[in-house]
């Protein structure tokens, strides 16, 4: 691993992102509103991609196709796994809250409900918080909202959010995945996930994902990022393209808000998509990958080992 190259990438990516977050803080712009969302989308989320391009092309004069941008070698059929994984991610989240919240009543998970009265009360609170003078009658059932959340997260979330999450993924599952591959699949993703989680720190402190527990949220984001990194890197291998994790990343981001609308009395560190419940979803998916498709990771590990031998003995025939 070229430590200097990786350090330059981290320095530039963190520098751009954290500076943009500092500007939001100094300008006293509330997170999640107008200008803050524009700054986060354009500068914060795009910083890893900008850093990857600067380091790879401008400094080291190397091609970007190594980051999963070689479309001729992309396995397009494997992209069908992405909406399937997203579907199971949503179902698993609800199942986990039902088991640990509804059934076992473990504090923090809250409880999941499709009750129409509770749903209308929740939607009335949300609409009232927007400043709407007259709260309209809710024209949708909670079950329909759940289904719509899954479908829209796959279709709209992947295509729209994917444009912005590509800015992250070109850095994490593109540059960092390529530069740390000799650590092996598991150690590589532990490192990438840890750095990726810490990278979120400034916006988490401003209310991202864990508005009720911003300080503790900084630390919760690390295991969440690690668990997601294993799934996204598997998608990167399965498709041979960085576009795959970008699409899935966009889908997950799009589903969070809709799913938790039907979750009541939860702690955002435990019962939310970004909390313990979300981490458990990811770990179950990782377990399924290891059981049913370990050969993809095994073959990748063999290729990395062979490549490492070649690097160590460049003159060997």
C-alpha atoms as a PDB file:
ATOM      1  CA  UNK A   1       0.000   0.000   0.000  1.00  0.00           C
ATOM      2  CA  UNK A   2       1.299   3.422  -0.974  1.00  0.00           C
ATOM      3  CA  UNK A   3       0.853   5.134   2.401  1.00  0.00           C
ATOM      4  CA  UNK A   4       1.856   8.555   1.083  1.00  0.00           C
ATOM      5  CA  UNK A   5      -0.722   8.338  -1.715  1.00  0.00           C
ATOM      6  CA  UNK A   6      -3.489   7.252   0.663  1.00  0.00           C
ATOM      7  CA  UNK A   7      -2.558   9.997   3.134  1.00  0.00           C
ATOM      8  CA  UNK A   8      -2.757  12.641   0.384  1.00  0.00           C
ATOM      9  CA  UNK A   9      -6.205  11.402  -0.596  1.00  0.00           C
ATOM     10  CA  UNK A  10      -7.465  11.504   3.003  1.00  0.00           C
ATOM     11  CA  UNK A  11      -5.934  14.938   3.593  1.00  0.00           C
ATOM     12  CA  UNK A  12      -7.582  16.488   0.528  1.00  0.00           C
ATOM     13  CA  UNK A  13     -10.961  14.745   0.965  1.00  0.00           C
ATOM     14  CA  UNK A  14     -11.209  15.643   4.650  1.00  0.00           C
ATOM     15  CA  UNK A  15      -9.885  19.144   3.962  1.00  0.00           C
ATOM     16  CA  UNK A  16     -12.580  19.985   1.417  1.00  0.00           C
ATOM     17  CA  UNK A  17     -15.434  18.342   3.320  1.00  0.00           C
ATOM     18  CA  UNK A  18     -14.579  19.568   6.789  1.00  0.00           C
ATOM     19  CA  UNK A  19     -13.909  23.104   5.531  1.00  0.00           C
ATOM     20  CA  UNK A  20     -17.363  23.239   3.919  1.00  0.00           C
ATOM     21  CA  UNK A  21     -18.916  22.008   7.196  1.00  0.00           C
ATOM     22  CA  UNK A  22     -16.971  24.652   9.127  1.00  0.00           C
ATOM     23  CA  UNK A  23     -18.307  27.365   6.810  1.00  0.00           C
ATOM     24  CA  UNK A  24     -21.871  26.187   7.478  1.00  0.00           C
ATOM     25  CA  UNK A  25     -21.198  26.337  11.217  1.00  0.00           C
ATOM     26  CA  UNK A  26     -19.570  29.773  11.128  1.00  0.00           C
ATOM     27  CA  UNK A  27     -22.396  31.145   8.973  1.00  0.00           C
ATOM     28  CA  UNK A  28     -24.900  29.684  11.450  1.00  0.00           C
ATOM     29  CA  UNK A  29     -26.787  27.851   8.699  1.00  0.00           C
ATOM     30  CA  UNK A  30     -28.997  25.094  10.226  1.00  0.00           C
ATOM     31  CA  UNK A  31     -28.236  21.629   8.897  1.00  0.00           C
ATOM     32  CA  UNK A  32     -30.926  20.149   6.665  1.00  0.00           C
ATOM     33  CA  UNK A  33     -32.197  23.441   5.270  1.00  0.00           C
ATOM     34  CA  UNK A  34     -31.781  25.088   1.863  1.00  0.00           C
ATOM     35  CA  UNK A  35     -28.198  26.290   1.605  1.00  0.00           C
ATOM     36  CA  UNK A  36     -26.801  23.637   3.918  1.00  0.00           C
ATOM     37  CA  UNK A  37     -28.140  20.814   1.729  1.00  0.00           C
ATOM     38  CA  UNK A  38     -26.664  22.461  -1.368  1.00  0.00           C
ATOM     39  CA  UNK A  39     -23.250  22.848   0.259  1.00  0.00           C
ATOM     40  CA  UNK A  40     -23.286  19.270   1.558  1.00  0.00           C
ATOM     41  CA  UNK A  41     -24.355  17.836  -1.826  1.00  0.00           C
ATOM     42  CA  UNK A  42     -21.928  19.853  -3.960  1.00  0.00           C
ATOM     43  CA  UNK A  43     -18.873  20.203  -1.723  1.00  0.00           C
ATOM     44  CA  UNK A  44     -19.027  17.737   1.168  1.00  0.00           C
ATOM     45  CA  UNK A  45     -20.215  14.645  -0.711  1.00  0.00           C
ATOM     46  CA  UNK A  46     -18.181  15.338  -3.842  1.00  0.00           C
ATOM     47  CA  UNK A  47     -14.915  15.855  -1.954  1.00  0.00           C
ATOM     48  CA  UNK A  48     -13.802  12.168  -1.992  1.00  0.00           C
ATOM     49  CA  UNK A  49     -14.256  12.034  -5.783  1.00  0.00           C
ATOM     50  CA  UNK A  50     -12.409  15.331  -6.242  1.00  0.00           C
ATOM     51  CA  UNK A  51      -9.588  14.094  -4.032  1.00  0.00           C
ATOM     52  CA  UNK A  52      -9.373  10.794  -5.912  1.00  0.00           C
ATOM     53  CA  UNK A  53      -9.081  12.579  -9.259  1.00  0.00           C
ATOM     54  CA  UNK A  54      -6.523  15.084  -7.955  1.00  0.00           C
ATOM     55  CA  UNK A  55      -4.291  12.412  -6.424  1.00  0.00           C
ATOM     56  CA  UNK A  56      -4.661   9.787  -9.142  1.00  0.00           C
ATOM     57  CA  UNK A  57      -4.542  12.006 -12.254  1.00  0.00           C
ATOM     58  CA  UNK A  58      -2.900  15.296 -11.298  1.00  0.00           C
ATOM     59  CA  UNK A  59      -0.271  14.025  -8.850  1.00  0.00           C
ATOM     60  CA  UNK A  60       0.438  10.378  -9.765  1.00  0.00           C
ATOM     61  CA  UNK A  61      -0.532  10.543 -13.474  1.00  0.00           C
ATOM     62  CA  UNK A  62      -2.383   7.228 -13.318  1.00  0.00           C
ATOM     63  CA  UNK A  63      -5.686   6.146 -14.964  1.00  0.00           C
ATOM     64  CA  UNK A  64      -9.056   6.308 -13.213  1.00  0.00           C
ATOM     65  CA  UNK A  65     -10.277   3.029 -14.709  1.00  0.00           C
ATOM     66  CA  UNK A  66      -8.570   1.209 -11.828  1.00  0.00           C
ATOM     67  CA  UNK A  67     -11.348   2.578  -9.611  1.00  0.00           C
ATOM     68  CA  UNK A  68     -14.081   0.537 -11.313  1.00  0.00           C
ATOM     69  CA  UNK A  69     -14.679   2.876 -14.227  1.00  0.00           C
ATOM     70  CA  UNK A  70     -13.773   0.457 -17.036  1.00  0.00           C
ATOM     71  CA  UNK A  71     -17.199   0.011 -18.607  1.00  0.00           C
ATOM     72  CA  UNK A  72     -16.024  -2.674 -21.047  1.00  0.00           C
ATOM     73  CA  UNK A  73     -15.266  -4.949 -18.089  1.00  0.00           C
ATOM     74  CA  UNK A  74     -18.411  -4.099 -16.113  1.00  0.00           C
ATOM     75  CA  UNK A  75     -20.694  -7.053 -15.342  1.00  0.00           C
ATOM     76  CA  UNK A  76     -24.008  -5.354 -16.024  1.00  0.00           C
ATOM     77  CA  UNK A  77     -26.217  -8.359 -15.182  1.00  0.00           C
ATOM     78  CA  UNK A  78     -24.817  -8.349 -11.653  1.00  0.00           C
ATOM     79  CA  UNK A  79     -26.452  -4.946 -11.109  1.00  0.00           C
ATOM     80  CA  UNK A  80     -29.725  -6.837 -10.613  1.00  0.00           C
ATOM     81  CA  UNK A  81     -28.435  -7.755  -7.154  1.00  0.00           C
ATOM     82  CA  UNK A  82     -28.580  -4.128  -6.026  1.00  0.00           C
ATOM     83  CA  UNK A  83     -32.385  -3.577  -5.891  1.00  0.00           C
ATOM     84  CA  UNK A  84     -32.769  -7.059  -4.391  1.00  0.00           C
ATOM     85  CA  UNK A  85     -30.343  -6.255  -1.567  1.00  0.00           C
ATOM     86  CA  UNK A  86     -32.091  -2.922  -0.987  1.00  0.00           C
ATOM     87  CA  UNK A  87     -35.465  -4.671  -0.771  1.00  0.00           C
ATOM     88  CA  UNK A  88     -34.165  -7.096   1.844  1.00  0.00           C
ATOM     89  CA  UNK A  89     -32.455  -4.242   3.708  1.00  0.00           C
ATOM     90  CA  UNK A  90     -35.829  -2.518   4.165  1.00  0.00           C
ATOM     91  CA  UNK A  91     -37.626  -5.739   5.140  1.00  0.00           C
ATOM     92  CA  UNK A  92     -34.881  -6.684   7.601  1.00  0.00           C
ATOM     93  CA  UNK A  93     -35.039  -3.258   9.266  1.00  0.00           C
ATOM     94  CA  UNK A  94     -38.754  -3.616   9.954  1.00  0.00           C
ATOM     95  CA  UNK A  95     -38.304  -7.228  11.103  1.00  0.00           C
ATOM     96  CA  UNK A  96     -35.533  -6.253  13.530  1.00  0.00           C
ATOM     97  CA  UNK A  97     -37.612  -3.476  15.091  1.00  0.00           C
ATOM     98  CA  UNK A  98     -40.594  -5.829  15.360  1.00  0.00           C
ATOM     99  CA  UNK A  99     -38.499  -8.481  17.132  1.00  0.00           C
ATOM    100  CA  UNK A 100     -36.434  -6.296  19.462  1.00  0.00           C
ATOM    101  CA  UNK A 101     -38.925  -3.449  19.871  1.00  0.00           C
ATOM    102  CA  UNK A 102     -42.477  -4.743  19.472  1.00  0.00           C
ATOM    103  CA  UNK A 103     -41.903  -8.279  20.809  1.00  0.00           C
ATOM    104  CA  UNK A 104     -38.972  -8.075  23.237  1.00  0.00           C
ATOM    105  CA  UNK A 105     -39.649  -4.414  24.122  1.00  0.00           C
ATOM    106  CA  UNK A 106     -35.953  -3.551  24.354  1.00  0.00           C
ATOM    107  CA  UNK A 107     -35.670   0.141  25.100  1.00  0.00           C
ATOM    108  CA  UNK A 108     -34.406   2.245  22.218  1.00  0.00           C
ATOM    109  CA  UNK A 109     -35.770   0.147  19.353  1.00  0.00           C
ATOM    110  CA  UNK A 110     -39.220   1.665  19.781  1.00  0.00           C
ATOM    111  CA  UNK A 111     -42.028  -0.150  18.010  1.00  0.00           C
ATOM    112  CA  UNK A 112     -43.119  -0.469  14.390  1.00  0.00           C
ATOM    113  CA  UNK A 113     -46.775   0.017  13.541  1.00  0.00           C
ATOM    114  CA  UNK A 114     -49.029   0.216  10.504  1.00  0.00           C
ATOM    115  CA  UNK A 115     -51.858   1.677  12.585  1.00  0.00           C
ATOM    116  CA  UNK A 116     -53.691   4.382  10.621  1.00  0.00           C
ATOM    117  CA  UNK A 117     -54.406   6.613  13.642  1.00  0.00           C
ATOM    118  CA  UNK A 118     -50.781   6.655  14.794  1.00  0.00           C
ATOM    119  CA  UNK A 119     -49.669   7.278  11.234  1.00  0.00           C
ATOM    120  CA  UNK A 120     -51.990  10.249  10.775  1.00  0.00           C
ATOM    121  CA  UNK A 121     -50.832  11.737  14.080  1.00  0.00           C
ATOM    122  CA  UNK A 122     -47.197  11.358  13.027  1.00  0.00           C
ATOM    123  CA  UNK A 123     -47.815  12.898   9.591  1.00  0.00           C
ATOM    124  CA  UNK A 124     -49.767  15.766  11.163  1.00  0.00           C
ATOM    125  CA  UNK A 125     -46.771  16.527  13.405  1.00  0.00           C
ATOM    126  CA  UNK A 126     -44.381  16.414  10.438  1.00  0.00           C
ATOM    127  CA  UNK A 127     -46.537  18.663   8.271  1.00  0.00           C
ATOM    128  CA  UNK A 128     -47.161  21.085  11.132  1.00  0.00           C
ATOM    129  CA  UNK A 129     -43.402  21.343  11.688  1.00  0.00           C
ATOM    130  CA  UNK A 130     -43.042  22.607   8.112  1.00  0.00           C
ATOM    131  CA  UNK A 131     -45.223  25.587   8.971  1.00  0.00           C
ATOM    132  CA  UNK A 132     -48.229  24.509   6.905  1.00  0.00           C
ATOM    133  CA  UNK A 133     -51.224  26.634   8.068  1.00  0.00           C
ATOM    134  CA  UNK A 134     -53.800  23.925   7.357  1.00  0.00           C
ATOM    135  CA  UNK A 135     -52.798  20.310   7.733  1.00  0.00           C
ATOM    136  CA  UNK A 136     -54.464  18.338   4.897  1.00  0.00           C
ATOM    137  CA  UNK A 137     -56.092  14.938   5.289  1.00  0.00           C
ATOM    138  CA  UNK A 138     -53.507  12.169   4.854  1.00  0.00           C
ATOM    139  CA  UNK A 139     -54.292  10.547   1.463  1.00  0.00           C
ATOM    140  CA  UNK A 140     -52.223   7.387   1.934  1.00  0.00           C
ATOM    141  CA  UNK A 141     -52.223   4.387   4.252  1.00  0.00           C
ATOM    142  CA  UNK A 142     -49.125   3.445   6.282  1.00  0.00           C
ATOM    143  CA  UNK A 143     -48.774   0.134   4.424  1.00  0.00           C
ATOM    144  CA  UNK A 144     -48.917   1.963   1.090  1.00  0.00           C
ATOM    145  CA  UNK A 145     -46.276   4.394   2.331  1.00  0.00           C
ATOM    146  CA  UNK A 146     -44.044   1.475   3.302  1.00  0.00           C
ATOM    147  CA  UNK A 147     -44.340  -0.042  -0.170  1.00  0.00           C
ATOM    148  CA  UNK A 148     -43.858   3.330  -1.829  1.00  0.00           C
ATOM    149  CA  UNK A 149     -40.741   3.944   0.264  1.00  0.00           C
ATOM    150  CA  UNK A 150     -39.150   0.725  -0.954  1.00  0.00           C
ATOM    151  CA  UNK A 151     -40.029   1.315  -4.613  1.00  0.00           C
ATOM    152  CA  UNK A 152     -39.039   4.989  -4.642  1.00  0.00           C
ATOM    153  CA  UNK A 153     -35.769   4.276  -2.808  1.00  0.00           C
ATOM    154  CA  UNK A 154     -34.823   1.783  -5.520  1.00  0.00           C
ATOM    155  CA  UNK A 155     -35.956   3.786  -8.545  1.00  0.00           C
ATOM    156  CA  UNK A 156     -35.615   7.440  -7.553  1.00  0.00           C
ATOM    157  CA  UNK A 157     -33.075   7.035  -4.750  1.00  0.00           C
ATOM    158  CA  UNK A 158     -30.696   5.030  -6.888  1.00  0.00           C
ATOM    159  CA  UNK A 159     -30.879   7.296  -9.929  1.00  0.00           C
ATOM    160  CA  UNK A 160     -31.115  10.722  -8.246  1.00  0.00           C
ATOM    161  CA  UNK A 161     -29.184  10.205  -5.011  1.00  0.00           C
ATOM    162  CA  UNK A 162     -26.738   8.019  -6.907  1.00  0.00           C
ATOM    163  CA  UNK A 163     -25.399  11.091  -8.695  1.00  0.00           C
ATOM    164  CA  UNK A 164     -24.264  12.561  -5.373  1.00  0.00           C
ATOM    165  CA  UNK A 165     -23.287   9.315  -3.655  1.00  0.00           C
ATOM    166  CA  UNK A 166     -21.023   8.635  -6.629  1.00  0.00           C
ATOM    167  CA  UNK A 167     -18.980  11.543  -5.301  1.00  0.00           C
ATOM    168  CA  UNK A 168     -18.379   9.538  -2.145  1.00  0.00           C
ATOM    169  CA  UNK A 169     -18.023   6.116  -3.735  1.00  0.00           C
ATOM    170  CA  UNK A 170     -15.380   7.106  -6.278  1.00  0.00           C
ATOM    171  CA  UNK A 171     -13.273   7.913  -3.234  1.00  0.00           C
ATOM    172  CA  UNK A 172     -14.182   5.081  -0.841  1.00  0.00           C
ATOM    173  CA  UNK A 173     -14.995   2.080  -3.049  1.00  0.00           C
ATOM    174  CA  UNK A 174     -12.934   3.460  -5.920  1.00  0.00           C
ATOM    175  CA  UNK A 175      -9.652   4.974  -4.762  1.00  0.00           C
ATOM    176  CA  UNK A 176      -9.429   3.535  -1.252  1.00  0.00           C
ATOM    177  CA  UNK A 177     -10.669   0.079  -2.267  1.00  0.00           C
ATOM    178  CA  UNK A 178      -7.997  -0.081  -4.973  1.00  0.00           C
ATOM    179  CA  UNK A 179      -5.169   1.314  -2.861  1.00  0.00           C
ATOM    180  CA  UNK A 180      -5.824  -0.911   0.186  1.00  0.00           C
ATOM    181  CA  UNK A 181      -6.596  -4.168  -1.642  1.00  0.00           C
ATOM    182  CA  UNK A 182      -3.358  -5.843  -0.542  1.00  0.00           C
ATOM    183  CA  UNK A 183      -4.637  -5.735   3.044  1.00  0.00           C
ATOM    184  CA  UNK A 184      -7.253  -8.287   2.016  1.00  0.00           C
ATOM    185  CA  UNK A 185     -11.006  -7.848   1.746  1.00  0.00           C
ATOM    186  CA  UNK A 186     -11.802  -7.753   5.463  1.00  0.00           C
ATOM    187  CA  UNK A 187      -8.915  -5.606   6.737  1.00  0.00           C
ATOM    188  CA  UNK A 188      -9.347  -3.257   3.790  1.00  0.00           C
ATOM    189  CA  UNK A 189     -13.004  -2.643   4.600  1.00  0.00           C
ATOM    190  CA  UNK A 190     -12.316  -2.221   8.310  1.00  0.00           C
ATOM    191  CA  UNK A 191      -9.891   0.569   7.411  1.00  0.00           C
ATOM    192  CA  UNK A 192     -12.107   2.144   4.732  1.00  0.00           C
ATOM    193  CA  UNK A 193     -15.211   1.982   6.923  1.00  0.00           C
ATOM    194  CA  UNK A 194     -13.421   3.566   9.882  1.00  0.00           C
ATOM    195  CA  UNK A 195     -12.084   6.459   7.797  1.00  0.00           C
ATOM    196  CA  UNK A 196     -15.420   6.877   6.019  1.00  0.00           C
ATOM    197  CA  UNK A 197     -17.252   6.976   9.355  1.00  0.00           C
ATOM    198  CA  UNK A 198     -14.902   9.604  10.809  1.00  0.00           C
ATOM    199  CA  UNK A 199     -15.234  11.660   7.631  1.00  0.00           C
ATOM    200  CA  UNK A 200     -18.924  12.224   8.535  1.00  0.00           C
ATOM    201  CA  UNK A 201     -18.081  13.718  11.952  1.00  0.00           C
ATOM    202  CA  UNK A 202     -18.615  17.466  11.284  1.00  0.00           C
ATOM    203  CA  UNK A 203     -22.077  17.088   9.741  1.00  0.00           C
ATOM    204  CA  UNK A 204     -23.115  14.546  12.380  1.00  0.00           C
ATOM    205  CA  UNK A 205     -22.247  17.106  15.048  1.00  0.00           C
ATOM    206  CA  UNK A 206     -24.532  19.501  13.176  1.00  0.00           C
ATOM    207  CA  UNK A 207     -27.459  17.065  13.212  1.00  0.00           C
ATOM    208  CA  UNK A 208     -26.937  14.546  10.387  1.00  0.00           C
ATOM    209  CA  UNK A 209     -28.461  11.098  11.116  1.00  0.00           C
ATOM    210  CA  UNK A 210     -28.441  11.508  14.916  1.00  0.00           C
ATOM    211  CA  UNK A 211     -30.101  14.839  15.677  1.00  0.00           C
ATOM    212  CA  UNK A 212     -30.891  13.817  19.273  1.00  0.00           C
ATOM    213  CA  UNK A 213     -27.405  12.442  20.019  1.00  0.00           C
ATOM    214  CA  UNK A 214     -24.895  14.245  17.761  1.00  0.00           C
ATOM    215  CA  UNK A 215     -21.778  13.549  19.850  1.00  0.00           C
ATOM    216  CA  UNK A 216     -22.502   9.857  20.394  1.00  0.00           C
ATOM    217  CA  UNK A 217     -23.563   9.702  16.741  1.00  0.00           C
ATOM    218  CA  UNK A 218     -19.988  10.392  15.648  1.00  0.00           C
ATOM    219  CA  UNK A 219     -18.960   7.080  17.206  1.00  0.00           C
ATOM    220  CA  UNK A 220     -22.067   5.158  16.055  1.00  0.00           C
ATOM    221  CA  UNK A 221     -21.348   6.179  12.461  1.00  0.00           C
ATOM    222  CA  UNK A 222     -18.092   4.195  12.433  1.00  0.00           C
ATOM    223  CA  UNK A 223     -19.558   0.674  12.912  1.00  0.00           C
ATOM    224  CA  UNK A 224     -22.403   1.599  10.555  1.00  0.00           C
ATOM    225  CA  UNK A 225     -19.908   2.652   7.882  1.00  0.00           C
ATOM    226  CA  UNK A 226     -17.814  -0.480   8.376  1.00  0.00           C
ATOM    227  CA  UNK A 227     -20.823  -2.784   8.036  1.00  0.00           C
ATOM    228  CA  UNK A 228     -22.048  -0.934   4.931  1.00  0.00           C
ATOM    229  CA  UNK A 229     -18.544  -0.963   3.460  1.00  0.00           C
ATOM    230  CA  UNK A 230     -18.483  -4.781   3.366  1.00  0.00           C
ATOM    231  CA  UNK A 231     -21.739  -4.844   1.371  1.00  0.00           C
ATOM    232  CA  UNK A 232     -20.710  -2.067  -1.007  1.00  0.00           C
ATOM    233  CA  UNK A 233     -17.292  -3.553  -1.647  1.00  0.00           C
ATOM    234  CA  UNK A 234     -18.913  -6.904  -2.426  1.00  0.00           C
ATOM    235  CA  UNK A 235     -21.113  -5.074  -4.963  1.00  0.00           C
ATOM    236  CA  UNK A 236     -17.984  -3.444  -6.371  1.00  0.00           C
ATOM    237  CA  UNK A 237     -16.467  -6.910  -6.861  1.00  0.00           C
ATOM    238  CA  UNK A 238     -19.655  -8.518  -8.140  1.00  0.00           C
ATOM    239  CA  UNK A 239     -20.170  -5.889 -10.859  1.00  0.00           C
ATOM    240  CA  UNK A 240     -16.555  -4.787 -11.339  1.00  0.00           C
ATOM    241  CA  UNK A 241     -17.879  -1.222 -11.193  1.00  0.00           C
ATOM    242  CA  UNK A 242     -17.899   1.603  -8.651  1.00  0.00           C
ATOM    243  CA  UNK A 243     -21.344   2.582  -9.983  1.00  0.00           C
ATOM    244  CA  UNK A 244     -22.889  -0.349  -8.090  1.00  0.00           C
ATOM    245  CA  UNK A 245     -22.047   0.856  -4.557  1.00  0.00           C
ATOM    246  CA  UNK A 246     -22.988   4.403  -5.607  1.00  0.00           C
ATOM    247  CA  UNK A 247     -26.479   3.213  -6.591  1.00  0.00           C
ATOM    248  CA  UNK A 248     -26.948   1.177  -3.406  1.00  0.00           C
ATOM    249  CA  UNK A 249     -25.645   4.055  -1.283  1.00  0.00           C
ATOM    250  CA  UNK A 250     -28.241   6.320  -2.885  1.00  0.00           C
ATOM    251  CA  UNK A 251     -31.001   3.772  -2.249  1.00  0.00           C
ATOM    252  CA  UNK A 252     -30.141   3.392   1.436  1.00  0.00           C
ATOM    253  CA  UNK A 253     -30.032   7.161   1.902  1.00  0.00           C
ATOM    254  CA  UNK A 254     -33.439   7.497   0.248  1.00  0.00           C
ATOM    255  CA  UNK A 255     -35.139   4.823   2.351  1.00  0.00           C
ATOM    256  CA  UNK A 256     -34.177   6.042   5.825  1.00  0.00           C
ATOM    257  CA  UNK A 257     -36.729   8.815   6.216  1.00  0.00           C
ATOM    258  CA  UNK A 258     -39.715   6.869   4.904  1.00  0.00           C
ATOM    259  CA  UNK A 259     -39.045   3.755   6.962  1.00  0.00           C
ATOM    260  CA  UNK A 260     -38.656   5.480  10.321  1.00  0.00           C
ATOM    261  CA  UNK A 261     -41.920   7.421   9.910  1.00  0.00           C
ATOM    262  CA  UNK A 262     -43.657   4.206  10.953  1.00  0.00           C
ATOM    263  CA  UNK A 263     -41.270   3.583  13.850  1.00  0.00           C
ATOM    264  CA  UNK A 264     -42.395   5.160  17.127  1.00  0.00           C
ATOM    265  CA  UNK A 265     -40.626   6.034  20.391  1.00  0.00           C
ATOM    266  CA  UNK A 266     -37.218   4.932  19.117  1.00  0.00           C
ATOM    267  CA  UNK A 267     -33.756   6.191  20.035  1.00  0.00           C
ATOM    268  CA  UNK A 268     -31.888   7.351  16.924  1.00  0.00           C
ATOM    269  CA  UNK A 269     -28.719   5.571  18.124  1.00  0.00           C
ATOM    270  CA  UNK A 270     -30.583   2.263  18.371  1.00  0.00           C
ATOM    271  CA  UNK A 271     -33.818   2.076  16.412  1.00  0.00           C
ATOM    272  CA  UNK A 272     -33.050   4.154  13.312  1.00  0.00           C
ATOM    273  CA  UNK A 273     -31.614   3.072   9.966  1.00  0.00           C
ATOM    274  CA  UNK A 274     -28.324   4.716  10.993  1.00  0.00           C
ATOM    275  CA  UNK A 275     -28.436   3.156  14.463  1.00  0.00           C
ATOM    276  CA  UNK A 276     -27.995  -0.326  15.868  1.00  0.00           C
ATOM    277  CA  UNK A 277     -31.006  -1.627  13.911  1.00  0.00           C
ATOM    278  CA  UNK A 278     -29.402  -0.539  10.629  1.00  0.00           C
ATOM    279  CA  UNK A 279     -26.063  -2.085  11.610  1.00  0.00           C
ATOM    280  CA  UNK A 280     -27.834  -5.372  12.395  1.00  0.00           C
ATOM    281  CA  UNK A 281     -29.473  -5.261   8.935  1.00  0.00           C
ATOM    282  CA  UNK A 282     -26.070  -4.844   7.311  1.00  0.00           C
ATOM    283  CA  UNK A 283     -24.466  -7.642   9.326  1.00  0.00           C
ATOM    284  CA  UNK A 284     -27.248 -10.053   8.390  1.00  0.00           C
ATOM    285  CA  UNK A 285     -26.739  -9.200   4.706  1.00  0.00           C
ATOM    286  CA  UNK A 286     -22.962  -9.636   5.098  1.00  0.00           C
ATOM    287  CA  UNK A 287     -23.578 -13.030   6.698  1.00  0.00           C
ATOM    288  CA  UNK A 288     -25.792 -14.034   3.756  1.00  0.00           C
ATOM    289  CA  UNK A 289     -23.081 -12.937   1.307  1.00  0.00           C
ATOM    290  CA  UNK A 290     -20.454 -14.992   3.138  1.00  0.00           C
ATOM    291  CA  UNK A 291     -22.733 -18.043   3.150  1.00  0.00           C
ATOM    292  CA  UNK A 292     -24.055 -17.904  -0.416  1.00  0.00           C
ATOM    293  CA  UNK A 293     -21.383 -16.054  -2.398  1.00  0.00           C
ATOM    294  CA  UNK A 294     -18.086 -16.334  -0.541  1.00  0.00           C
ATOM    295  CA  UNK A 295     -16.466 -17.442  -3.797  1.00  0.00           C
ATOM    296  CA  UNK A 296     -16.533 -13.842  -5.063  1.00  0.00           C
ATOM    297  CA  UNK A 297     -14.474 -12.700  -2.073  1.00  0.00           C
ATOM    298  CA  UNK A 298     -12.270 -15.814  -2.193  1.00  0.00           C
ATOM    299  CA  UNK A 299     -11.464 -15.320  -5.889  1.00  0.00           C
ATOM    300  CA  UNK A 300     -10.693 -11.665  -5.269  1.00  0.00           C
ATOM    301  CA  UNK A 301      -8.353 -12.588  -2.403  1.00  0.00           C
ATOM    302  CA  UNK A 302      -6.517 -15.025  -4.674  1.00  0.00           C
ATOM    303  CA  UNK A 303      -6.110 -12.386  -7.390  1.00  0.00           C
ATOM    304  CA  UNK A 304      -4.757  -9.921  -4.833  1.00  0.00           C
ATOM    305  CA  UNK A 305      -2.306 -12.520  -3.507  1.00  0.00           C
ATOM    306  CA  UNK A 306      -1.054 -13.312  -7.000  1.00  0.00           C
ATOM    307  CA  UNK A 307      -0.771  -9.597  -7.780  1.00  0.00           C
ATOM    308  CA  UNK A 308       1.197  -9.104  -4.564  1.00  0.00           C
ATOM    309  CA  UNK A 309       3.666 -11.798  -5.558  1.00  0.00           C
ATOM    310  CA  UNK A 310       4.087 -10.124  -8.910  1.00  0.00           C
ATOM    311  CA  UNK A 311       4.793  -6.780  -7.280  1.00  0.00           C
ATOM    312  CA  UNK A 312       7.285  -8.341  -4.914  1.00  0.00           C
ATOM    313  CA  UNK A 313       9.133 -10.156  -7.717  1.00  0.00           C
ATOM    314  CA  UNK A 314       8.815  -7.924 -10.798  1.00  0.00           C
ATOM    315  CA  UNK A 315      11.426  -9.846 -12.777  1.00  0.00           C
ATOM    316  CA  UNK A 316       9.930 -13.270 -12.154  1.00  0.00           C
ATOM    317  CA  UNK A 317       8.772 -15.024 -15.342  1.00  0.00           C
END
